[in-house]
Amino acid sequence: MADYYPDAETNVKIRDLEEKQRILQDRVFLLGKNIVETKESHEKKLLEMKKELEELKQKVERIVSFIETLSGEFSKFARKEDVEILAKQMKIFQPLAKVRKT
């Protein structure tokens, strides 16, 4: 009948195994909790990055639109050569010099 009852050494081994199992369960729980927290943190950062990227896209679109408008307006400006020709014509004509002489 002594074979059916665990002795003190077996009880100690069982308690040690149960303690190790409890410690492992706690570690697994903490690891799972840390993984969930890390995932949530990364998702939050990713969402912020997506928002920033969208804002940058909008800014780039506005800059491109402004540059297109500006380049369209350049054709309406006088070229340097045209202004120089007008300046030469003004020197030749010199309307103020004639008014002063009279």
PDB file of N, CA and C in Angstrom:
ATOM      1  N   MET A   1       0.787  -1.194   0.000  1.00  0.00           N
ATOM      2  CA  MET A   1       0.000   0.000   0.000  1.00  0.00           C
ATOM      3  C   MET A   1       0.836   1.269   0.000  1.00  0.00           C
ATOM      4  N   ALA A   2       2.038   1.191   0.341  1.00  0.00           N
ATOM      5  CA  ALA A   2       2.931   2.338   0.371  1.00  0.00           C
ATOM      6  C   ALA A   2       3.208   2.866  -1.023  1.00  0.00           C
ATOM      7  N   ASP A   3       3.034   2.023  -2.039  1.00  0.00           N
ATOM      8  CA  ASP A   3       3.294   2.442  -3.407  1.00  0.00           C
ATOM      9  C   ASP A   3       2.238   3.414  -3.934  1.00  0.00           C
ATOM     10  N   TYR A   4       1.042   3.407  -3.374  1.00  0.00           N
ATOM     11  CA  TYR A   4      -0.039   4.248  -3.859  1.00  0.00           C
ATOM     12  C   TYR A   4       0.002   5.669  -3.307  1.00  0.00           C
ATOM     13  N   TYR A   5       0.710   5.904  -2.244  1.00  0.00           N
ATOM     14  CA  TYR A   5       0.779   7.228  -1.626  1.00  0.00           C
ATOM     15  C   TYR A   5       2.120   7.883  -1.950  1.00  0.00           C
ATOM     16  N   PRO A   6       2.058   9.093  -2.498  1.00  0.00           N
ATOM     17  CA  PRO A   6       3.324   9.751  -2.830  1.00  0.00           C
ATOM     18  C   PRO A   6       4.085  10.127  -1.565  1.00  0.00           C
ATOM     19  N   ASP A   7       5.367  10.011  -1.638  1.00  0.00           N
ATOM     20  CA  ASP A   7       6.177  10.387  -0.485  1.00  0.00           C
ATOM     21  C   ASP A   7       6.489  11.880  -0.515  1.00  0.00           C
ATOM     22  N   ALA A   8       7.201  12.392   0.471  1.00  0.00           N
ATOM     23  CA  ALA A   8       7.484  13.821   0.607  1.00  0.00           C
ATOM     24  C   ALA A   8       8.296  14.351  -0.562  1.00  0.00           C
ATOM     25  N   GLU A   9       9.232  13.552  -1.044  1.00  0.00           N
ATOM     26  CA  GLU A   9      10.070  13.988  -2.174  1.00  0.00           C
ATOM     27  C   GLU A   9       9.239  14.190  -3.431  1.00  0.00           C
ATOM     28  N   THR A  10       8.293  13.321  -3.662  1.00  0.00           N
ATOM     29  CA  THR A  10       7.407  13.444  -4.829  1.00  0.00           C
ATOM     30  C   THR A  10       6.525  14.683  -4.687  1.00  0.00           C
ATOM     31  N   ASN A  11       6.040  14.948  -3.480  1.00  0.00           N
ATOM     32  CA  ASN A  11       5.220  16.146  -3.258  1.00  0.00           C
ATOM     33  C   ASN A  11       6.024  17.420  -3.542  1.00  0.00           C
ATOM     34  N   VAL A  12       7.273  17.433  -3.131  1.00  0.00           N
ATOM     35  CA  VAL A  12       8.127  18.590  -3.378  1.00  0.00           C
ATOM     36  C   VAL A  12       8.323  18.778  -4.878  1.00  0.00           C
ATOM     37  N   LYS A  13       8.569  17.687  -5.586  1.00  0.00           N
ATOM     38  CA  LYS A  13       8.757  17.773  -7.042  1.00  0.00           C
ATOM     39  C   LYS A  13       7.489  18.280  -7.724  1.00  0.00           C
ATOM     40  N   ILE A  14       6.358  17.798  -7.268  1.00  0.00           N
ATOM     41  CA  ILE A  14       5.083  18.253  -7.855  1.00  0.00           C
ATOM     42  C   ILE A  14       4.883  19.736  -7.598  1.00  0.00           C
ATOM     43  N   ARG A  15       5.155  20.199  -6.372  1.00  0.00           N
ATOM     44  CA  ARG A  15       5.024  21.634  -6.060  1.00  0.00           C
ATOM     45  C   ARG A  15       5.991  22.472  -6.892  1.00  0.00           C
ATOM     46  N   ASP A  16       7.214  21.970  -7.070  1.00  0.00           N
ATOM     47  CA  ASP A  16       8.188  22.689  -7.904  1.00  0.00           C
ATOM     48  C   ASP A  16       7.692  22.797  -9.350  1.00  0.00           C
ATOM     49  N   LEU A  17       7.174  21.707  -9.865  1.00  0.00           N
ATOM     50  CA  LEU A  17       6.636  21.730 -11.238  1.00  0.00           C
ATOM     51  C   LEU A  17       5.442  22.672 -11.352  1.00  0.00           C
ATOM     52  N   GLU A  18       4.568  22.652 -10.357  1.00  0.00           N
ATOM     53  CA  GLU A  18       3.416  23.558 -10.377  1.00  0.00           C
ATOM     54  C   GLU A  18       3.872  25.018 -10.320  1.00  0.00           C
ATOM     55  N   GLU A  19       4.896  25.294  -9.501  1.00  0.00           N
ATOM     56  CA  GLU A  19       5.425  26.659  -9.403  1.00  0.00           C
ATOM     57  C   GLU A  19       6.045  27.092 -10.727  1.00  0.00           C
ATOM     58  N   LYS A  20       6.808  26.205 -11.337  1.00  0.00           N
ATOM     59  CA  LYS A  20       7.407  26.511 -12.653  1.00  0.00           C
ATOM     60  C   LYS A  20       6.322  26.752 -13.686  1.00  0.00           C
ATOM     61  N   GLN A  21       5.268  25.954 -13.644  1.00  0.00           N
ATOM     62  CA  GLN A  21       4.161  26.131 -14.581  1.00  0.00           C
ATOM     63  C   GLN A  21       3.481  27.473 -14.354  1.00  0.00           C
ATOM     64  N   ARG A  22       3.270  27.859 -13.099  1.00  0.00           N
ATOM     65  CA  ARG A  22       2.638  29.143 -12.787  1.00  0.00           C
ATOM     66  C   ARG A  22       3.523  30.300 -13.270  1.00  0.00           C
ATOM     67  N   ILE A  23       4.839  30.173 -13.047  1.00  0.00           N
ATOM     68  CA  ILE A  23       5.769  31.213 -13.510  1.00  0.00           C
ATOM     69  C   ILE A  23       5.728  31.317 -15.035  1.00  0.00           C
ATOM     70  N   LEU A  24       5.716  30.185 -15.720  1.00  0.00           N
ATOM     71  CA  LEU A  24       5.629  30.194 -17.189  1.00  0.00           C
ATOM     72  C   LEU A  24       4.322  30.814 -17.666  1.00  0.00           C
ATOM     73  N   GLN A  25       3.228  30.511 -16.994  1.00  0.00           N
ATOM     74  CA  GLN A  25       1.942  31.101 -17.356  1.00  0.00           C
ATOM     75  C   GLN A  25       1.982  32.619 -17.196  1.00  0.00           C
ATOM     76  N   ASP A  26       2.568  33.082 -16.094  1.00  0.00           N
ATOM     77  CA  ASP A  26       2.689  34.526 -15.879  1.00  0.00           C
ATOM     78  C   ASP A  26       3.530  35.179 -16.975  1.00  0.00           C
ATOM     79  N   ARG A  27       4.631  34.515 -17.321  1.00  0.00           N
ATOM     80  CA  ARG A  27       5.491  35.063 -18.384  1.00  0.00           C
ATOM     81  C   ARG A  27       4.764  35.110 -19.714  1.00  0.00           C
ATOM     82  N   VAL A  28       4.056  34.041 -20.039  1.00  0.00           N
ATOM     83  CA  VAL A  28       3.290  34.002 -21.291  1.00  0.00           C
ATOM     84  C   VAL A  28       2.234  35.103 -21.291  1.00  0.00           C
ATOM     85  N   PHE A  29       1.569  35.293 -20.155  1.00  0.00           N
ATOM     86  CA  PHE A  29       0.567  36.350 -20.060  1.00  0.00           C
ATOM     87  C   PHE A  29       1.202  37.726 -20.287  1.00  0.00           C
ATOM     88  N   LEU A  30       2.363  37.971 -19.629  1.00  0.00           N
ATOM     89  CA  LEU A  30       3.050  39.259 -19.791  1.00  0.00           C
ATOM     90  C   LEU A  30       3.521  39.458 -21.229  1.00  0.00           C
ATOM     91  N   LEU A  31       4.041  38.402 -21.827  1.00  0.00           N
ATOM     92  CA  LEU A  31       4.467  38.508 -23.225  1.00  0.00           C
ATOM     93  C   LEU A  31       3.292  38.845 -24.136  1.00  0.00           C
ATOM     94  N   GLY A  32       2.172  38.159 -23.911  1.00  0.00           N
ATOM     95  CA  GLY A  32       0.981  38.453 -24.717  1.00  0.00           C
ATOM     96  C   GLY A  32       0.522  39.882 -24.526  1.00  0.00           C
ATOM     97  N   LYS A  33       0.529  40.344 -23.282  1.00  0.00           N
ATOM     98  CA  LYS A  33       0.125  41.723 -22.991  1.00  0.00           C
ATOM     99  C   LYS A  33       1.071  42.710 -23.664  1.00  0.00           C
ATOM    100  N   ASN A  34       2.371  42.460 -23.595  1.00  0.00           N
ATOM    101  CA  ASN A  34       3.350  43.347 -24.232  1.00  0.00           C
ATOM    102  C   ASN A  34       3.185  43.362 -25.747  1.00  0.00           C
ATOM    103  N   ILE A  35       2.894  42.188 -26.314  1.00  0.00           N
ATOM    104  CA  ILE A  35       2.694  42.116 -27.768  1.00  0.00           C
ATOM    105  C   ILE A  35       1.480  42.952 -28.171  1.00  0.00           C
ATOM    106  N   VAL A  36       0.394  42.830 -27.416  1.00  0.00           N
ATOM    107  CA  VAL A  36      -0.817  43.596 -27.725  1.00  0.00           C
ATOM    108  C   VAL A  36      -0.540  45.098 -27.603  1.00  0.00           C
ATOM    109  N   GLU A  37       0.150  45.503 -26.533  1.00  0.00           N
ATOM    110  CA  GLU A  37       0.467  46.923 -26.345  1.00  0.00           C
ATOM    111  C   GLU A  37       1.373  47.442 -27.466  1.00  0.00           C
ATOM    112  N   THR A  38       2.362  46.635 -27.839  1.00  0.00           N
ATOM    113  CA  THR A  38       3.268  47.029 -28.924  1.00  0.00           C
ATOM    114  C   THR A  38       2.512  47.151 -30.235  1.00  0.00           C
ATOM    115  N   LYS A  39       1.619  46.201 -30.494  1.00  0.00           N
ATOM    116  CA  LYS A  39       0.816  46.241 -31.729  1.00  0.00           C
ATOM    117  C   LYS A  39      -0.045  47.494 -31.761  1.00  0.00           C
ATOM    118  N   GLU A  40      -0.695  47.803 -30.657  1.00  0.00           N
ATOM    119  CA  GLU A  40      -1.545  48.999 -30.598  1.00  0.00           C
ATOM    120  C   GLU A  40      -0.707  50.264 -30.795  1.00  0.00           C
ATOM    121  N   SER A  41       0.469  50.304 -30.193  1.00  0.00           N
ATOM    122  CA  SER A  41       1.355  51.457 -30.336  1.00  0.00           C
ATOM    123  C   SER A  41       1.784  51.626 -31.791  1.00  0.00           C
ATOM    124  N   HIS A  42       2.147  50.517 -32.436  1.00  0.00           N
ATOM    125  CA  HIS A  42       2.564  50.585 -33.838  1.00  0.00           C
ATOM    126  C   HIS A  42       1.404  50.989 -34.746  1.00  0.00           C
ATOM    127  N   GLU A  43       0.219  50.488 -34.448  1.00  0.00           N
ATOM    128  CA  GLU A  43      -0.945  50.866 -35.249  1.00  0.00           C
ATOM    129  C   GLU A  43      -1.226  52.360 -35.118  1.00  0.00           C
ATOM    130  N   LYS A  44      -1.079  52.898 -33.912  1.00  0.00           N
ATOM    131  CA  LYS A  44      -1.293  54.328 -33.683  1.00  0.00           C
ATOM    132  C   LYS A  44      -0.265  55.144 -34.457  1.00  0.00           C
ATOM    133  N   LYS A  45       0.998  54.734 -34.385  1.00  0.00           N
ATOM    134  CA  LYS A  45       2.047  55.440 -35.118  1.00  0.00           C
ATOM    135  C   LYS A  45       1.812  55.355 -36.618  1.00  0.00           C
ATOM    136  N   LEU A  46       1.389  54.200 -37.091  1.00  0.00           N
ATOM    137  CA  LEU A  46       1.118  54.021 -38.518  1.00  0.00           C
ATOM    138  C   LEU A  46      -0.023  54.925 -38.965  1.00  0.00           C
ATOM    139  N   LEU A  47      -1.051  55.044 -38.150  1.00  0.00           N
ATOM    140  CA  LEU A  47      -2.177  55.917 -38.479  1.00  0.00           C
ATOM    141  C   LEU A  47      -1.711  57.375 -38.556  1.00  0.00           C
ATOM    142  N   GLU A  48      -0.868  57.786 -37.606  1.00  0.00           N
ATOM    143  CA  GLU A  48      -0.335  59.151 -37.627  1.00  0.00           C
ATOM    144  C   GLU A  48       0.503  59.379 -38.884  1.00  0.00           C
ATOM    145  N   MET A  49       1.308  58.389 -39.241  1.00  0.00           N
ATOM    146  CA  MET A  49       2.140  58.519 -40.437  1.00  0.00           C
ATOM    147  C   MET A  49       1.273  58.618 -41.695  1.00  0.00           C
ATOM    148  N   LYS A  50       0.189  57.860 -41.727  1.00  0.00           N
ATOM    149  CA  LYS A  50      -0.712  57.922 -42.877  1.00  0.00           C
ATOM    150  C   LYS A  50      -1.343  59.311 -42.983  1.00  0.00           C
ATOM    151  N   LYS A  51      -1.730  59.886 -41.835  1.00  0.00           N
ATOM    152  CA  LYS A  51      -2.309  61.228 -41.843  1.00  0.00           C
ATOM    153  C   LYS A  51      -1.287  62.243 -42.344  1.00  0.00           C
ATOM    154  N   GLU A  52      -0.053  62.149 -41.840  1.00  0.00           N
ATOM    155  CA  GLU A  52       1.003  63.063 -42.273  1.00  0.00           C
ATOM    156  C   GLU A  52       1.273  62.913 -43.759  1.00  0.00           C
ATOM    157  N   LEU A  53       1.287  61.676 -44.246  1.00  0.00           N
ATOM    158  CA  LEU A  53       1.509  61.427 -45.669  1.00  0.00           C
ATOM    159  C   LEU A  53       0.402  62.050 -46.505  1.00  0.00           C
ATOM    160  N   GLU A  54      -0.829  61.930 -46.047  1.00  0.00           N
ATOM    161  CA  GLU A  54      -1.953  62.520 -46.778  1.00  0.00           C
ATOM    162  C   GLU A  54      -1.827  64.043 -46.815  1.00  0.00           C
ATOM    163  N   GLU A  55      -1.420  64.643 -45.683  1.00  0.00           N
ATOM    164  CA  GLU A  55      -1.223  66.092 -45.645  1.00  0.00           C
ATOM    165  C   GLU A  55      -0.109  66.501 -46.601  1.00  0.00           C
ATOM    166  N   LEU A  56       0.963  65.737 -46.633  1.00  0.00           N
ATOM    167  CA  LEU A  56       2.068  66.040 -47.550  1.00  0.00           C
ATOM    168  C   LEU A  56       1.623  65.928 -49.006  1.00  0.00           C
ATOM    169  N   LYS A  57       0.811  64.925 -49.301  1.00  0.00           N
ATOM    170  CA  LYS A  57       0.299  64.773 -50.665  1.00  0.00           C
ATOM    171  C   LYS A  57      -0.519  65.996 -51.063  1.00  0.00           C
ATOM    172  N   GLN A  58      -1.373  66.463 -50.147  1.00  0.00           N
ATOM    173  CA  GLN A  58      -2.189  67.635 -50.444  1.00  0.00           C
ATOM    174  C   GLN A  58      -1.317  68.862 -50.664  1.00  0.00           C
ATOM    175  N   LYS A  59      -0.282  69.028 -49.835  1.00  0.00           N
ATOM    176  CA  LYS A  59       0.616  70.167 -49.993  1.00  0.00           C
ATOM    177  C   LYS A  59       1.349  70.103 -51.330  1.00  0.00           C
ATOM    178  N   VAL A  60       1.803  68.912 -51.711  1.00  0.00           N
ATOM    179  CA  VAL A  60       2.497  68.750 -52.984  1.00  0.00           C
ATOM    180  C   VAL A  60       1.542  69.075 -54.140  1.00  0.00           C
ATOM    181  N   GLU A  61       0.307  68.632 -54.038  1.00  0.00           N
ATOM    182  CA  GLU A  61      -0.677  68.935 -55.084  1.00  0.00           C
ATOM    183  C   GLU A  61      -0.893  70.439 -55.208  1.00  0.00           C
ATOM    184  N   ARG A  62      -0.958  71.142 -54.055  1.00  0.00           N
ATOM    185  CA  ARG A  62      -1.122  72.601 -54.104  1.00  0.00           C
ATOM    186  C   ARG A  62       0.101  73.262 -54.711  1.00  0.00           C
ATOM    187  N   ILE A  63       1.280  72.771 -54.387  1.00  0.00           N
ATOM    188  CA  ILE A  63       2.513  73.345 -54.950  1.00  0.00           C
ATOM    189  C   ILE A  63       2.558  73.121 -56.455  1.00  0.00           C
ATOM    190  N   VAL A  64       2.209  71.908 -56.892  1.00  0.00           N
ATOM    191  CA  VAL A  64       2.194  71.611 -58.325  1.00  0.00           C
ATOM    192  C   VAL A  64       1.185  72.516 -59.031  1.00  0.00           C
ATOM    193  N   SER A  65       0.022  72.684 -58.432  1.00  0.00           N
ATOM    194  CA  SER A  65      -0.995  73.560 -59.030  1.00  0.00           C
ATOM    195  C   SER A  65      -0.488  74.992 -59.118  1.00  0.00           C
ATOM    196  N   PHE A  66       0.163  75.471 -58.072  1.00  0.00           N
ATOM    197  CA  PHE A  66       0.712  76.828 -58.070  1.00  0.00           C
ATOM    198  C   PHE A  66       1.780  76.978 -59.150  1.00  0.00           C
ATOM    199  N   ILE A  67       2.650  75.985 -59.269  1.00  0.00           N
ATOM    200  CA  ILE A  67       3.715  76.054 -60.279  1.00  0.00           C
ATOM    201  C   ILE A  67       3.117  76.042 -61.679  1.00  0.00           C
ATOM    202  N   GLU A  68       2.084  75.234 -61.891  1.00  0.00           N
ATOM    203  CA  GLU A  68       1.431  75.205 -63.208  1.00  0.00           C
ATOM    204  C   GLU A  68       0.805  76.558 -63.523  1.00  0.00           C
ATOM    205  N   THR A  69       0.147  77.157 -62.541  1.00  0.00           N
ATOM    206  CA  THR A  69      -0.448  78.478 -62.735  1.00  0.00           C
ATOM    207  C   THR A  69       0.629  79.511 -63.016  1.00  0.00           C
ATOM    208  N   LEU A  70       1.687  79.458 -62.252  1.00  0.00           N
ATOM    209  CA  LEU A  70       2.793  80.401 -62.411  1.00  0.00           C
ATOM    210  C   LEU A  70       3.435  80.251 -63.781  1.00  0.00           C
ATOM    211  N   SER A  71       3.667  79.027 -64.220  1.00  0.00           N
ATOM    212  CA  SER A  71       4.294  78.825 -65.526  1.00  0.00           C
ATOM    213  C   SER A  71       3.369  79.293 -66.643  1.00  0.00           C
ATOM    214  N   GLY A  72       2.063  79.188 -66.438  1.00  0.00           N
ATOM    215  CA  GLY A  72       1.124  79.709 -67.427  1.00  0.00           C
ATOM    216  C   GLY A  72       1.154  81.226 -67.500  1.00  0.00           C
ATOM    217  N   GLU A  73       1.437  81.862 -66.369  1.00  0.00           N
ATOM    218  CA  GLU A  73       1.504  83.321 -66.329  1.00  0.00           C
ATOM    219  C   GLU A  73       2.798  83.853 -66.940  1.00  0.00           C
ATOM    220  N   PHE A  74       3.850  83.060 -66.937  1.00  0.00           N
ATOM    221  CA  PHE A  74       5.130  83.515 -67.477  1.00  0.00           C
ATOM    222  C   PHE A  74       5.010  83.924 -68.943  1.00  0.00           C
ATOM    223  N   SER A  75       4.166  83.254 -69.674  1.00  0.00           N
ATOM    224  CA  SER A  75       4.018  83.588 -71.095  1.00  0.00           C
ATOM    225  C   SER A  75       3.422  84.981 -71.279  1.00  0.00           C
ATOM    226  N   LYS A  76       2.753  85.492 -70.258  1.00  0.00           N
ATOM    227  CA  LYS A  76       2.140  86.821 -70.348  1.00  0.00           C
ATOM    228  C   LYS A  76       3.132  87.939 -70.026  1.00  0.00           C
ATOM    229  N   PHE A  77       4.247  87.604 -69.412  1.00  0.00           N
ATOM    230  CA  PHE A  77       5.254  88.616 -69.069  1.00  0.00           C
ATOM    231  C   PHE A  77       6.065  88.998 -70.292  1.00  0.00           C
ATOM    232  N   ALA A  78       6.580  90.225 -70.243  1.00  0.00           N
ATOM    233  CA  ALA A  78       7.435  90.689 -71.328  1.00  0.00           C
ATOM    234  C   ALA A  78       8.810  90.038 -71.188  1.00  0.00           C
ATOM    235  N   ARG A  79       9.382  89.681 -72.327  1.00  0.00           N
ATOM    236  CA  ARG A  79      10.719  89.118 -72.293  1.00  0.00           C
ATOM    237  C   ARG A  79      11.738  90.233 -72.150  1.00  0.00           C
ATOM    238  N   LYS A  80      12.901  89.871 -71.705  1.00  0.00           N
ATOM    239  CA  LYS A  80      13.966  90.841 -71.486  1.00  0.00           C
ATOM    240  C   LYS A  80      14.300  91.576 -72.787  1.00  0.00           C
ATOM    241  N   GLU A  81      14.337  90.837 -73.874  1.00  0.00           N
ATOM    242  CA  GLU A  81      14.653  91.458 -75.177  1.00  0.00           C
ATOM    243  C   GLU A  81      13.598  92.501 -75.557  1.00  0.00           C
ATOM    244  N   ASP A  82      12.323  92.189 -75.274  1.00  0.00           N
ATOM    245  CA  ASP A  82      11.241  93.132 -75.585  1.00  0.00           C
ATOM    246  C   ASP A  82      11.393  94.421 -74.779  1.00  0.00           C
ATOM    247  N   VAL A  83      11.738  94.268 -73.488  1.00  0.00           N
ATOM    248  CA  VAL A  83      11.914  95.440 -72.634  1.00  0.00           C
ATOM    249  C   VAL A  83      13.113  96.274 -73.110  1.00  0.00           C
ATOM    250  N   GLU A  84      14.189  95.621 -73.533  1.00  0.00           N
ATOM    251  CA  GLU A  84      15.367  96.343 -74.034  1.00  0.00           C
ATOM    252  C   GLU A  84      15.032  97.110 -75.307  1.00  0.00           C
ATOM    253  N   ILE A  85      14.235  96.507 -76.193  1.00  0.00           N
ATOM    254  CA  ILE A  85      13.818  97.188 -77.430  1.00  0.00           C
ATOM    255  C   ILE A  85      12.994  98.423 -77.090  1.00  0.00           C
ATOM    256  N   LEU A  86      12.070  98.262 -76.126  1.00  0.00           N
ATOM    257  CA  LEU A  86      11.253  99.423 -75.719  1.00  0.00           C
ATOM    258  C   LEU A  86      12.122 100.513 -75.090  1.00  0.00           C
ATOM    259  N   ALA A  87      13.125 100.123 -74.314  1.00  0.00           N
ATOM    260  CA  ALA A  87      14.016 101.111 -73.698  1.00  0.00           C
ATOM    261  C   ALA A  87      14.786 101.868 -74.771  1.00  0.00           C
ATOM    262  N   LYS A  88      15.252 101.175 -75.793  1.00  0.00           N
ATOM    263  CA  LYS A  88      15.986 101.837 -76.889  1.00  0.00           C
ATOM    264  C   LYS A  88      15.060 102.799 -77.634  1.00  0.00           C
ATOM    265  N   GLN A  89      13.825 102.356 -77.857  1.00  0.00           N
ATOM    266  CA  GLN A  89      12.865 103.224 -78.549  1.00  0.00           C
ATOM    267  C   GLN A  89      12.571 104.477 -77.722  1.00  0.00           C
ATOM    268  N   MET A  90      12.513 104.303 -76.405  1.00  0.00           N
ATOM    269  CA  MET A  90      12.256 105.461 -75.540  1.00  0.00           C
ATOM    270  C   MET A  90      13.424 106.444 -75.592  1.00  0.00           C
ATOM    271  N   LYS A  91      14.625 105.928 -75.639  1.00  0.00           N
ATOM    272  CA  LYS A  91      15.795 106.803 -75.719  1.00  0.00           C
ATOM    273  C   LYS A  91      15.791 107.577 -77.033  1.00  0.00           C
ATOM    274  N   ILE A  92      15.409 106.880 -78.088  1.00  0.00           N
ATOM    275  CA  ILE A  92      15.365 107.541 -79.395  1.00  0.00           C
ATOM    276  C   ILE A  92      14.280 108.612 -79.405  1.00  0.00           C
ATOM    277  N   PHE A  93      13.159 108.310 -78.874  1.00  0.00           N
ATOM    278  CA  PHE A  93      12.020 109.226 -78.914  1.00  0.00           C
ATOM    279  C   PHE A  93      12.186 110.367 -77.910  1.00  0.00           C
ATOM    280  N   GLN A  94      12.594 110.103 -76.720  1.00  0.00           N
ATOM    281  CA  GLN A  94      12.800 111.060 -75.632  1.00  0.00           C
ATOM    282  C   GLN A  94      11.792 112.214 -75.649  1.00  0.00           C
ATOM    283  N   PRO A  95      10.551 111.933 -75.309  1.00  0.00           N
ATOM    284  CA  PRO A  95       9.526 112.972 -75.351  1.00  0.00           C
ATOM    285  C   PRO A  95       9.754 114.067 -74.305  1.00  0.00           C
ATOM    286  N   LEU A  96      10.334 113.772 -73.195  1.00  0.00           N
ATOM    287  CA  LEU A  96      10.545 114.796 -72.177  1.00  0.00           C
ATOM    288  C   LEU A  96      11.619 115.793 -72.584  1.00  0.00           C
ATOM    289  N   ALA A  97      12.579 115.343 -73.328  1.00  0.00           N
ATOM    290  CA  ALA A  97      13.652 116.262 -73.750  1.00  0.00           C
ATOM    291  C   ALA A  97      13.071 117.334 -74.679  1.00  0.00           C
ATOM    292  N   LYS A  98      12.156 116.975 -75.537  1.00  0.00           N
ATOM    293  CA  LYS A  98      11.536 117.938 -76.457  1.00  0.00           C
ATOM    294  C   LYS A  98      10.685 118.931 -75.690  1.00  0.00           C
ATOM    295  N   VAL A  99      10.008 118.479 -74.661  1.00  0.00           N
ATOM    296  CA  VAL A  99       9.156 119.372 -73.901  1.00  0.00           C
ATOM    297  C   VAL A  99      10.002 120.406 -73.155  1.00  0.00           C
ATOM    298  N   ARG A 100      11.139 120.024 -72.671  1.00  0.00           N
ATOM    299  CA  ARG A 100      12.004 120.930 -71.923  1.00  0.00           C
ATOM    300  C   ARG A 100      12.611 122.010 -72.834  1.00  0.00           C
ATOM    301  N   LYS A 101      12.904 121.656 -74.047  1.00  0.00           N
ATOM    302  CA  LYS A 101      13.527 122.615 -74.962  1.00  0.00           C
ATOM    303  C   LYS A 101      12.562 123.710 -75.376  1.00  0.00           C
ATOM    304  N   THR A 102      11.311 123.405 -75.398  1.00  0.00           N
ATOM    305  CA  THR A 102      10.356 124.402 -75.880  1.00  0.00           C
ATOM    306  C   THR A 102       9.847 125.310 -74.832  1.00  0.00           C
TER     307      THR A 102
END
